[in-house]
Protein backbone atom coordinates (compact mmCIF):
# COMPACT_ATOMS: atom_id res chain seq x y z
CA GLN A 1 0.00 0.00 0.00
CA PRO A 2 1.42 3.46 -0.83
CA VAL A 3 2.90 5.47 2.05
CA PRO A 4 3.90 9.15 2.36
CA VAL A 5 7.41 9.92 1.11
CA ASP A 6 9.32 13.23 1.33
CA VAL A 7 12.52 14.01 -0.59
CA GLU A 8 14.27 17.21 0.50
CA VAL A 9 17.57 18.96 -0.20
CA PHE A 10 19.35 21.00 2.49
CA ASP A 11 22.45 23.16 2.47
CA VAL A 12 25.30 22.24 4.83
CA GLY A 13 23.91 24.75 7.34
CA GLY A 14 20.75 22.64 7.61
CA ARG A 15 18.46 25.08 5.76
CA LEU A 16 15.86 23.57 3.44
CA VAL A 17 16.79 24.42 -0.16
CA ARG A 18 14.21 22.43 -2.09
CA LYS A 19 11.38 20.00 -1.47
CA VAL A 20 11.93 17.69 -4.45
CA PHE A 21 9.00 15.35 -3.82
CA SER A 22 6.18 14.95 -1.34
CA GLY A 23 3.54 12.34 -2.03
CA LEU A 24 2.56 8.70 -1.89
CA GLU A 25 4.76 5.89 -3.22
CA GLY A 26 4.38 2.12 -3.15
CA SER A 27 7.19 -0.35 -2.65
CA GLY A 28 9.99 -0.50 -5.19
CA SER A 29 12.90 1.52 -6.48
CA PHE A 30 12.46 5.18 -7.43
CA THR A 31 14.49 8.03 -8.88
CA TRP A 32 13.82 11.69 -8.21
CA ASP A 33 15.58 14.43 -10.16
CA TRP A 34 16.74 17.75 -8.76
CA ASN A 35 17.70 20.47 -11.21
CA GLY A 36 19.96 22.40 -8.81
CA ARG A 37 17.38 25.10 -8.14
CA ASP A 38 15.87 26.21 -4.86
CA ASP A 39 12.14 26.41 -4.10
CA GLY A 40 12.13 29.93 -5.57
CA GLY A 41 13.51 28.70 -8.91
CA LYS A 42 17.01 30.19 -8.49
CA ARG A 43 20.16 28.17 -9.15
CA VAL A 44 21.89 27.21 -5.93
CA PRO A 45 25.58 27.97 -5.42
CA VAL A 46 28.18 25.36 -6.32
CA GLY A 47 28.84 23.03 -3.39
CA ILE A 48 27.78 20.00 -1.43
CA TYR A 49 24.16 19.54 -0.36
CA LEU A 50 22.39 17.00 1.83
CA ALA A 51 19.52 14.92 0.46
CA ARG A 52 17.04 13.46 2.92
CA VAL A 53 14.45 10.81 2.03
CA THR A 54 11.78 10.20 4.67
CA VAL A 55 9.35 7.29 4.41
CA HIS A 56 6.40 7.37 6.80
CA ALA A 57 5.62 3.65 7.04
CA GLU A 58 2.65 2.30 8.94
CA ARG A 59 4.46 1.65 12.23
CA GLU A 60 7.63 3.75 11.98
CA LYS A 61 9.46 6.44 10.06
CA PHE A 62 12.57 5.67 7.98
CA VAL A 63 15.08 8.43 7.17
CA ARG A 64 18.05 8.13 4.81
CA LEU A 65 20.64 10.84 4.18
CA GLY A 66 23.06 11.30 1.31
CA THR A 67 25.14 13.99 -0.33
CA VAL A 68 24.68 15.75 -3.65
CA GLY A 69 27.39 17.78 -5.38
CA VAL A 70 26.40 20.76 -7.52
CA VAL A 71 28.74 22.05 -10.28
CA TYR A 72 27.95 24.15 -13.34
């Protein structure tokens, strides 16, 4: 059964840069694209960003973190 999933990108200071995805997903493997822009549509500065995927399963919440490098 689909569960709520959030995919967010943060700067190294912990500030939310972009909410890439927020919705329901079933089980499986997924890919979400981020175009290097913030929620206002502006290109973010070159650097390292943190990606956080949160899955709100029926009995618990799963959180995975990773890094994303931005170069132009």
